[in-house]
Amino acid sequence: MNFQTMNKQRKFILIAAGIGIIAMFLPWIRVSLFGIVAGSVNGMHDWGILIFLGFVAAGGVTLVGDQTKTLDKTMWMISLIGGGIAALLCIIFLLRAMDAISFLSFGFYIALLASLGVLYAAYQFRAAGYSIKGGFDSLKDDIEKKTNSNNPPTPPTV
């Protein structure tokens, strides 16, 4: 991996996913009594594990294939799905914590911004002609090819 020659799309996705992975180990919830921190919890609990996997998927696809080119449709779609899962679950976490929003700590906000950064970088710097529908079709075709190549054709019945 040569970061200098890596495509701009891949760089930004990798940086945002890396920041998101680091944010998972930072405090997400902090409880303090009279200005003294009584305890904190990082993001690697509950839905945080799925958010972590979304960041790993989005960052991992940037390291596959020719790194001087933008992501192909299938890998582009996987990075969008990974970033989308991370962003959606962060927003759900935020909505669930609205009554105790003062307890949310900086790790959560960094993870939320990183997930939105993954989505922005993947979509903004995509190759010309890529669309969400085309990405899903490409992903579906790749899955069908993989499953059909593992199953031998059935002989015709007479």
N, C-alpha and C. Protein backbone atom coordinates (compact mmCIF):
# COMPACT_ATOMS: atom_id res chain seq x y z
N MET A 1 0.84 -1.17 0.00
CA MET A 1 0.00 0.00 0.00
C MET A 1 0.88 1.23 0.00
N ASN A 2 0.72 2.05 -1.00
CA ASN A 2 1.44 3.32 -1.08
C ASN A 2 0.41 4.44 -0.97
N PHE A 3 0.41 5.10 0.18
CA PHE A 3 -0.59 6.13 0.43
C PHE A 3 -0.44 7.32 -0.50
N GLN A 4 0.78 7.57 -0.99
CA GLN A 4 1.01 8.70 -1.88
C GLN A 4 0.32 8.52 -3.23
N THR A 5 0.32 7.32 -3.75
CA THR A 5 -0.27 7.08 -5.07
C THR A 5 -1.72 6.61 -5.00
N MET A 6 -2.26 6.46 -3.80
CA MET A 6 -3.63 5.99 -3.64
C MET A 6 -4.62 7.04 -4.17
N ASN A 7 -5.70 6.57 -4.76
CA ASN A 7 -6.74 7.44 -5.29
C ASN A 7 -7.35 8.27 -4.16
N LYS A 8 -7.81 9.48 -4.50
CA LYS A 8 -8.36 10.41 -3.51
C LYS A 8 -9.57 9.81 -2.80
N GLN A 9 -10.44 9.14 -3.53
CA GLN A 9 -11.62 8.52 -2.93
C GLN A 9 -11.21 7.50 -1.87
N ARG A 10 -10.27 6.65 -2.24
CA ARG A 10 -9.80 5.62 -1.31
C ARG A 10 -9.13 6.23 -0.08
N LYS A 11 -8.34 7.29 -0.30
CA LYS A 11 -7.67 7.95 0.82
C LYS A 11 -8.68 8.47 1.84
N PHE A 12 -9.67 9.21 1.34
CA PHE A 12 -10.63 9.82 2.26
C PHE A 12 -11.47 8.78 2.97
N ILE A 13 -11.88 7.73 2.27
CA ILE A 13 -12.65 6.67 2.92
C ILE A 13 -11.81 5.99 3.98
N LEU A 14 -10.56 5.68 3.66
CA LEU A 14 -9.67 5.02 4.60
C LEU A 14 -9.41 5.89 5.83
N ILE A 15 -9.20 7.18 5.64
CA ILE A 15 -8.97 8.08 6.76
C ILE A 15 -10.21 8.17 7.64
N ALA A 16 -11.38 8.36 7.03
CA ALA A 16 -12.62 8.47 7.81
C ALA A 16 -12.92 7.16 8.55
N ALA A 17 -12.72 6.02 7.89
CA ALA A 17 -12.96 4.73 8.54
C ALA A 17 -11.96 4.51 9.67
N GLY A 18 -10.72 4.90 9.48
CA GLY A 18 -9.72 4.78 10.54
C GLY A 18 -10.07 5.63 11.74
N ILE A 19 -10.52 6.85 11.50
CA ILE A 19 -10.95 7.72 12.60
C ILE A 19 -12.14 7.10 13.32
N GLY A 20 -13.07 6.52 12.55
CA GLY A 20 -14.23 5.87 13.14
C GLY A 20 -13.84 4.67 13.99
N ILE A 21 -12.89 3.89 13.52
CA ILE A 21 -12.44 2.72 14.30
C ILE A 21 -11.81 3.18 15.61
N ILE A 22 -11.00 4.22 15.56
CA ILE A 22 -10.39 4.75 16.79
C ILE A 22 -11.46 5.29 17.73
N ALA A 23 -12.48 5.96 17.16
CA ALA A 23 -13.55 6.54 17.98
C ALA A 23 -14.33 5.48 18.73
N MET A 24 -14.34 4.26 18.24
CA MET A 24 -15.08 3.20 18.91
C MET A 24 -14.48 2.87 20.28
N PHE A 25 -13.20 3.15 20.47
CA PHE A 25 -12.54 2.84 21.73
C PHE A 25 -12.46 4.05 22.66
N LEU A 26 -12.97 5.18 22.21
CA LEU A 26 -13.02 6.39 23.04
C LEU A 26 -14.33 6.39 23.83
N PRO A 27 -14.42 7.22 24.88
CA PRO A 27 -15.66 7.25 25.67
C PRO A 27 -16.86 7.73 24.86
N TRP A 28 -17.93 6.98 24.90
CA TRP A 28 -19.17 7.36 24.24
C TRP A 28 -20.17 7.92 25.25
N ILE A 29 -20.17 7.35 26.42
CA ILE A 29 -21.07 7.81 27.49
C ILE A 29 -20.21 8.09 28.71
N ARG A 30 -20.43 9.27 29.28
CA ARG A 30 -19.66 9.66 30.46
C ARG A 30 -20.63 10.18 31.51
N VAL A 31 -20.50 9.65 32.71
CA VAL A 31 -21.32 10.08 33.83
C VAL A 31 -20.42 10.80 34.82
N SER A 32 -20.86 11.99 35.21
CA SER A 32 -20.08 12.74 36.19
C SER A 32 -20.99 13.23 37.30
N LEU A 33 -20.46 13.23 38.50
CA LEU A 33 -21.18 13.73 39.66
C LEU A 33 -20.40 14.89 40.25
N PHE A 34 -21.03 16.04 40.31
CA PHE A 34 -20.42 17.25 40.86
C PHE A 34 -19.11 17.60 40.17
N GLY A 35 -19.05 17.38 38.86
CA GLY A 35 -17.86 17.73 38.08
C GLY A 35 -16.77 16.67 38.09
N ILE A 36 -16.97 15.60 38.82
CA ILE A 36 -15.98 14.51 38.89
C ILE A 36 -16.51 13.35 38.05
N VAL A 37 -15.68 12.85 37.14
CA VAL A 37 -16.10 11.76 36.27
C VAL A 37 -16.24 10.49 37.10
N ALA A 38 -17.47 9.95 37.11
CA ALA A 38 -17.75 8.74 37.88
C ALA A 38 -17.55 7.48 37.05
N GLY A 39 -17.65 7.59 35.74
CA GLY A 39 -17.45 6.42 34.90
C GLY A 39 -17.73 6.75 33.44
N SER A 40 -17.21 5.91 32.56
CA SER A 40 -17.44 6.10 31.13
C SER A 40 -17.49 4.74 30.45
N VAL A 41 -18.14 4.73 29.29
CA VAL A 41 -18.28 3.50 28.51
C VAL A 41 -17.88 3.82 27.08
N ASN A 42 -17.08 2.92 26.47
CA ASN A 42 -16.69 3.15 25.07
C ASN A 42 -17.76 2.63 24.13
N GLY A 43 -17.53 2.75 22.83
CA GLY A 43 -18.52 2.39 21.84
C GLY A 43 -18.59 0.92 21.48
N MET A 44 -17.76 0.09 22.07
CA MET A 44 -17.73 -1.33 21.70
C MET A 44 -18.72 -2.15 22.52
N HIS A 45 -19.92 -1.63 22.66
CA HIS A 45 -20.98 -2.33 23.35
C HIS A 45 -22.25 -2.23 22.52
N ASP A 46 -23.13 -3.20 22.69
CA ASP A 46 -24.45 -3.16 22.08
C ASP A 46 -24.33 -3.02 20.56
N TRP A 47 -24.89 -1.99 19.97
CA TRP A 47 -24.86 -1.78 18.53
C TRP A 47 -23.51 -1.25 18.07
N GLY A 48 -22.67 -0.87 18.98
CA GLY A 48 -21.36 -0.35 18.62
C GLY A 48 -20.51 -1.35 17.87
N ILE A 49 -20.73 -2.62 18.12
CA ILE A 49 -19.97 -3.65 17.41
C ILE A 49 -20.34 -3.64 15.93
N LEU A 50 -21.63 -3.44 15.62
CA LEU A 50 -22.04 -3.35 14.22
C LEU A 50 -21.49 -2.09 13.56
N ILE A 51 -21.44 -1.00 14.31
CA ILE A 51 -20.85 0.24 13.80
C ILE A 51 -19.38 0.01 13.49
N PHE A 52 -18.69 -0.67 14.39
CA PHE A 52 -17.27 -1.00 14.20
C PHE A 52 -17.09 -1.84 12.93
N LEU A 53 -17.94 -2.84 12.73
CA LEU A 53 -17.84 -3.68 11.54
C LEU A 53 -18.13 -2.89 10.27
N GLY A 54 -19.02 -1.91 10.35
CA GLY A 54 -19.27 -1.04 9.21
C GLY A 54 -18.04 -0.24 8.83
N PHE A 55 -17.33 0.28 9.84
CA PHE A 55 -16.09 1.01 9.58
C PHE A 55 -15.01 0.10 9.02
N VAL A 56 -14.92 -1.13 9.54
CA VAL A 56 -13.92 -2.08 9.05
C VAL A 56 -14.21 -2.44 7.59
N ALA A 57 -15.48 -2.66 7.26
CA ALA A 57 -15.84 -3.00 5.87
C ALA A 57 -15.52 -1.84 4.93
N ALA A 58 -15.89 -0.63 5.33
CA ALA A 58 -15.65 0.53 4.47
C ALA A 58 -14.15 0.77 4.29
N GLY A 59 -13.38 0.61 5.34
CA GLY A 59 -11.93 0.81 5.22
C GLY A 59 -11.24 -0.34 4.52
N GLY A 60 -11.76 -1.55 4.71
CA GLY A 60 -11.13 -2.72 4.11
C GLY A 60 -11.22 -2.75 2.60
N VAL A 61 -12.34 -2.30 2.05
CA VAL A 61 -12.48 -2.34 0.59
C VAL A 61 -11.55 -1.36 -0.10
N THR A 62 -11.07 -0.35 0.61
CA THR A 62 -10.14 0.60 -0.02
C THR A 62 -8.79 -0.03 -0.27
N LEU A 63 -8.49 -1.11 0.42
CA LEU A 63 -7.19 -1.77 0.28
C LEU A 63 -7.20 -2.88 -0.76
N VAL A 64 -8.35 -3.15 -1.37
CA VAL A 64 -8.50 -4.24 -2.34
C VAL A 64 -8.42 -3.67 -3.75
N GLY A 65 -7.72 -4.36 -4.62
CA GLY A 65 -7.66 -3.97 -6.03
C GLY A 65 -6.61 -2.92 -6.32
N ASP A 66 -6.73 -2.30 -7.48
CA ASP A 66 -5.80 -1.26 -7.92
C ASP A 66 -6.10 0.02 -7.15
N GLN A 67 -5.18 0.40 -6.28
CA GLN A 67 -5.41 1.53 -5.39
C GLN A 67 -5.23 2.88 -6.06
N THR A 68 -4.76 2.91 -7.30
CA THR A 68 -4.61 4.18 -7.99
C THR A 68 -5.91 4.59 -8.70
N LYS A 69 -6.89 3.69 -8.72
CA LYS A 69 -8.17 3.97 -9.38
C LYS A 69 -9.27 4.05 -8.33
N THR A 70 -10.41 4.64 -8.74
CA THR A 70 -11.56 4.68 -7.83
C THR A 70 -12.08 3.26 -7.62
N LEU A 71 -12.89 3.11 -6.61
CA LEU A 71 -13.47 1.80 -6.32
C LEU A 71 -14.38 1.36 -7.46
N ASP A 72 -14.35 0.06 -7.78
CA ASP A 72 -15.30 -0.43 -8.78
C ASP A 72 -16.69 -0.46 -8.16
N LYS A 73 -17.71 -0.73 -8.95
CA LYS A 73 -19.09 -0.59 -8.47
C LYS A 73 -19.39 -1.45 -7.25
N THR A 74 -18.92 -2.69 -7.25
CA THR A 74 -19.23 -3.57 -6.13
C THR A 74 -18.56 -3.08 -4.85
N MET A 75 -17.28 -2.76 -4.92
CA MET A 75 -16.57 -2.28 -3.73
C MET A 75 -17.08 -0.92 -3.29
N TRP A 76 -17.48 -0.09 -4.26
CA TRP A 76 -18.07 1.21 -3.94
C TRP A 76 -19.36 1.02 -3.15
N MET A 77 -20.15 0.06 -3.60
CA MET A 77 -21.42 -0.20 -2.92
C MET A 77 -21.18 -0.76 -1.52
N ILE A 78 -20.18 -1.62 -1.36
CA ILE A 78 -19.87 -2.16 -0.03
C ILE A 78 -19.42 -1.05 0.91
N SER A 79 -18.62 -0.11 0.40
CA SER A 79 -18.19 1.00 1.27
C SER A 79 -19.37 1.89 1.63
N LEU A 80 -20.30 2.11 0.69
CA LEU A 80 -21.50 2.89 1.01
C LEU A 80 -22.37 2.17 2.04
N ILE A 81 -22.52 0.87 1.89
CA ILE A 81 -23.33 0.11 2.83
C ILE A 81 -22.68 0.12 4.22
N GLY A 82 -21.36 -0.08 4.28
CA GLY A 82 -20.67 -0.05 5.57
C GLY A 82 -20.78 1.31 6.25
N GLY A 83 -20.55 2.37 5.49
CA GLY A 83 -20.69 3.72 6.05
C GLY A 83 -22.12 4.04 6.40
N GLY A 84 -23.06 3.57 5.59
CA GLY A 84 -24.47 3.80 5.86
C GLY A 84 -24.95 3.10 7.12
N ILE A 85 -24.50 1.87 7.32
CA ILE A 85 -24.86 1.14 8.54
C ILE A 85 -24.30 1.87 9.76
N ALA A 86 -23.05 2.30 9.67
CA ALA A 86 -22.44 3.02 10.79
C ALA A 86 -23.18 4.32 11.07
N ALA A 87 -23.51 5.07 10.04
CA ALA A 87 -24.22 6.34 10.22
C ALA A 87 -25.62 6.12 10.77
N LEU A 88 -26.34 5.17 10.21
CA LEU A 88 -27.71 4.91 10.65
C LEU A 88 -27.74 4.48 12.11
N LEU A 89 -26.85 3.59 12.49
CA LEU A 89 -26.85 3.12 13.88
C LEU A 89 -26.39 4.23 14.84
N CYS A 90 -25.49 5.10 14.41
CA CYS A 90 -25.11 6.24 15.25
C CYS A 90 -26.29 7.19 15.45
N ILE A 91 -27.05 7.42 14.39
CA ILE A 91 -28.22 8.30 14.52
C ILE A 91 -29.28 7.67 15.41
N ILE A 92 -29.49 6.36 15.28
CA ILE A 92 -30.44 5.67 16.16
C ILE A 92 -29.95 5.75 17.61
N PHE A 93 -28.66 5.57 17.83
CA PHE A 93 -28.09 5.69 19.17
C PHE A 93 -28.33 7.09 19.73
N LEU A 94 -28.15 8.11 18.88
CA LEU A 94 -28.37 9.49 19.31
C LEU A 94 -29.84 9.72 19.66
N LEU A 95 -30.75 9.22 18.84
CA LEU A 95 -32.18 9.40 19.10
C LEU A 95 -32.62 8.67 20.36
N ARG A 96 -32.05 7.51 20.61
CA ARG A 96 -32.38 6.77 21.83
C ARG A 96 -31.85 7.48 23.07
N ALA A 97 -30.79 8.27 22.91
CA ALA A 97 -30.16 8.94 24.05
C ALA A 97 -30.58 10.40 24.17
N MET A 98 -31.63 10.80 23.47
CA MET A 98 -32.04 12.20 23.50
C MET A 98 -32.41 12.69 24.89
N ASP A 99 -32.97 11.83 25.73
CA ASP A 99 -33.33 12.26 27.07
C ASP A 99 -32.09 12.43 27.96
N ALA A 100 -30.99 11.78 27.60
CA ALA A 100 -29.76 11.88 28.39
C ALA A 100 -28.61 12.34 27.50
N ILE A 101 -28.88 13.31 26.63
CA ILE A 101 -27.86 13.74 25.66
C ILE A 101 -26.64 14.34 26.35
N SER A 102 -26.81 14.82 27.56
CA SER A 102 -25.66 15.40 28.26
C SER A 102 -24.65 14.34 28.66
N PHE A 103 -25.04 13.06 28.61
CA PHE A 103 -24.13 11.98 28.96
C PHE A 103 -23.28 11.51 27.78
N LEU A 104 -23.66 11.91 26.55
CA LEU A 104 -22.88 11.48 25.38
C LEU A 104 -21.53 12.18 25.40
N SER A 105 -20.50 11.43 25.08
CA SER A 105 -19.14 11.96 25.14
C SER A 105 -18.57 12.12 23.73
N PHE A 106 -17.36 12.62 23.66
CA PHE A 106 -16.75 13.00 22.38
C PHE A 106 -16.52 11.83 21.45
N GLY A 107 -16.33 10.62 21.95
CA GLY A 107 -16.12 9.47 21.09
C GLY A 107 -17.31 9.20 20.19
N PHE A 108 -18.50 9.38 20.73
CA PHE A 108 -19.71 9.17 19.92
C PHE A 108 -19.77 10.19 18.78
N TYR A 109 -19.52 11.45 19.09
CA TYR A 109 -19.63 12.48 18.07
C TYR A 109 -18.56 12.30 16.98
N ILE A 110 -17.38 11.84 17.37
CA ILE A 110 -16.33 11.57 16.38
C ILE A 110 -16.76 10.42 15.47
N ALA A 111 -17.34 9.37 16.05
CA ALA A 111 -17.81 8.23 15.25
C ALA A 111 -18.92 8.65 14.30
N LEU A 112 -19.83 9.49 14.76
CA LEU A 112 -20.91 9.97 13.90
C LEU A 112 -20.36 10.78 12.73
N LEU A 113 -19.44 11.68 13.00
CA LEU A 113 -18.83 12.48 11.93
C LEU A 113 -18.02 11.60 10.98
N ALA A 114 -17.32 10.60 11.51
CA ALA A 114 -16.54 9.71 10.65
C ALA A 114 -17.44 8.89 9.74
N SER A 115 -18.57 8.42 10.25
CA SER A 115 -19.48 7.64 9.41
C SER A 115 -20.07 8.51 8.30
N LEU A 116 -20.39 9.75 8.61
CA LEU A 116 -20.87 10.66 7.57
C LEU A 116 -19.75 10.99 6.59
N GLY A 117 -18.51 11.05 7.08
CA GLY A 117 -17.36 11.28 6.21
C GLY A 117 -17.13 10.14 5.23
N VAL A 118 -17.32 8.91 5.69
CA VAL A 118 -17.20 7.75 4.79
C VAL A 118 -18.24 7.84 3.68
N LEU A 119 -19.48 8.14 4.05
CA LEU A 119 -20.54 8.27 3.05
C LEU A 119 -20.24 9.39 2.06
N TYR A 120 -19.81 10.52 2.57
CA TYR A 120 -19.53 11.67 1.70
C TYR A 120 -18.39 11.35 0.74
N ALA A 121 -17.29 10.80 1.25
CA ALA A 121 -16.13 10.52 0.40
C ALA A 121 -16.46 9.47 -0.64
N ALA A 122 -17.19 8.43 -0.26
CA ALA A 122 -17.53 7.38 -1.22
C ALA A 122 -18.43 7.91 -2.31
N TYR A 123 -19.39 8.73 -1.96
CA TYR A 123 -20.35 9.21 -2.96
C TYR A 123 -19.80 10.37 -3.77
N GLN A 124 -19.13 11.30 -3.12
CA GLN A 124 -18.65 12.50 -3.81
C GLN A 124 -17.56 12.19 -4.84
N PHE A 125 -16.67 11.28 -4.54
CA PHE A 125 -15.53 11.00 -5.41
C PHE A 125 -15.72 9.72 -6.22
N ARG A 126 -16.96 9.32 -6.46
CA ARG A 126 -17.23 8.10 -7.24
C ARG A 126 -16.87 8.33 -8.70
N ALA A 127 -16.71 7.24 -9.42
CA ALA A 127 -16.41 7.33 -10.85
C ALA A 127 -17.64 7.81 -11.60
N ALA A 128 -17.41 8.42 -12.74
CA ALA A 128 -18.51 8.95 -13.55
C ALA A 128 -19.44 7.82 -13.98
N GLY A 129 -20.72 8.05 -13.87
CA GLY A 129 -21.70 7.07 -14.30
C GLY A 129 -22.15 6.11 -13.21
N TYR A 130 -21.57 6.15 -12.03
CA TYR A 130 -21.99 5.25 -10.96
C TYR A 130 -23.28 5.78 -10.34
N SER A 131 -24.21 4.87 -10.09
CA SER A 131 -25.45 5.22 -9.42
C SER A 131 -25.72 4.17 -8.35
N ILE A 132 -26.60 4.50 -7.43
CA ILE A 132 -26.95 3.56 -6.37
C ILE A 132 -27.59 2.30 -6.97
N LYS A 133 -28.49 2.49 -7.93
CA LYS A 133 -29.14 1.34 -8.57
C LYS A 133 -28.11 0.47 -9.29
N GLY A 134 -27.19 1.11 -10.02
CA GLY A 134 -26.14 0.36 -10.70
C GLY A 134 -25.24 -0.37 -9.73
N GLY A 135 -24.98 0.23 -8.59
CA GLY A 135 -24.16 -0.42 -7.56
C GLY A 135 -24.83 -1.65 -6.99
N PHE A 136 -26.14 -1.55 -6.71
CA PHE A 136 -26.87 -2.72 -6.22
C PHE A 136 -26.92 -3.81 -7.27
N ASP A 137 -27.12 -3.45 -8.53
CA ASP A 137 -27.14 -4.45 -9.60
C ASP A 137 -25.80 -5.15 -9.73
N SER A 138 -24.71 -4.39 -9.64
CA SER A 138 -23.37 -4.97 -9.72
C SER A 138 -23.11 -5.90 -8.54
N LEU A 139 -23.52 -5.49 -7.35
CA LEU A 139 -23.35 -6.32 -6.16
C LEU A 139 -24.16 -7.61 -6.29
N LYS A 140 -25.37 -7.49 -6.79
CA LYS A 140 -26.23 -8.67 -6.98
C LYS A 140 -25.62 -9.62 -8.01
N ASP A 141 -25.11 -9.08 -9.11
CA ASP A 141 -24.49 -9.92 -10.15
C ASP A 141 -23.26 -10.63 -9.62
N ASP A 142 -22.43 -9.94 -8.84
CA ASP A 142 -21.24 -10.58 -8.27
C ASP A 142 -21.61 -11.70 -7.31
N ILE A 143 -22.66 -11.50 -6.52
CA ILE A 143 -23.09 -12.54 -5.59
C ILE A 143 -23.63 -13.74 -6.36
N GLU A 144 -24.39 -13.48 -7.43
CA GLU A 144 -24.91 -14.58 -8.24
C GLU A 144 -23.79 -15.36 -8.90
N LYS A 145 -22.76 -14.67 -9.39
CA LYS A 145 -21.63 -15.36 -10.01
C LYS A 145 -20.91 -16.25 -9.01
N LYS A 146 -20.73 -15.74 -7.79
CA LYS A 146 -20.04 -16.53 -6.76
C LYS A 146 -20.85 -17.76 -6.38
N THR A 147 -22.16 -17.60 -6.23
CA THR A 147 -22.97 -18.75 -5.81
C THR A 147 -23.14 -19.75 -6.94
N ASN A 148 -23.22 -19.28 -8.18
CA ASN A 148 -23.36 -20.21 -9.30
C ASN A 148 -22.07 -20.95 -9.61
N SER A 149 -20.93 -20.35 -9.35
CA SER A 149 -19.66 -21.03 -9.62
C SER A 149 -19.38 -22.11 -8.59
N ASN A 150 -19.98 -22.01 -7.40
CA ASN A 150 -19.77 -23.03 -6.37
C ASN A 150 -20.70 -24.22 -6.54
N ASN A 151 -21.82 -24.03 -7.23
CA ASN A 151 -22.77 -25.11 -7.44
C ASN A 151 -22.62 -25.65 -8.86
N PRO A 152 -22.35 -26.95 -9.01
CA PRO A 152 -22.27 -27.50 -10.36
C PRO A 152 -23.65 -27.49 -11.01
N PRO A 153 -23.68 -27.33 -12.32
CA PRO A 153 -24.99 -27.31 -12.99
C PRO A 153 -25.69 -28.65 -12.85
N THR A 154 -26.99 -28.59 -12.70
CA THR A 154 -27.76 -29.84 -12.57
C THR A 154 -28.03 -30.41 -13.96
N PRO A 155 -27.94 -31.71 -14.08
CA PRO A 155 -28.21 -32.31 -15.40
C PRO A 155 -29.69 -32.18 -15.74
N PRO A 156 -29.98 -32.00 -17.02
CA PRO A 156 -31.39 -31.85 -17.42
C PRO A 156 -32.15 -33.13 -17.18
N THR A 157 -33.38 -32.97 -16.76
CA THR A 157 -34.24 -34.13 -16.53
C THR A 157 -35.06 -34.41 -17.78
N VAL A 158 -35.23 -35.67 -18.06
CA VAL A 158 -35.97 -36.06 -19.26
C VAL A 158 -37.20 -36.82 -18.87
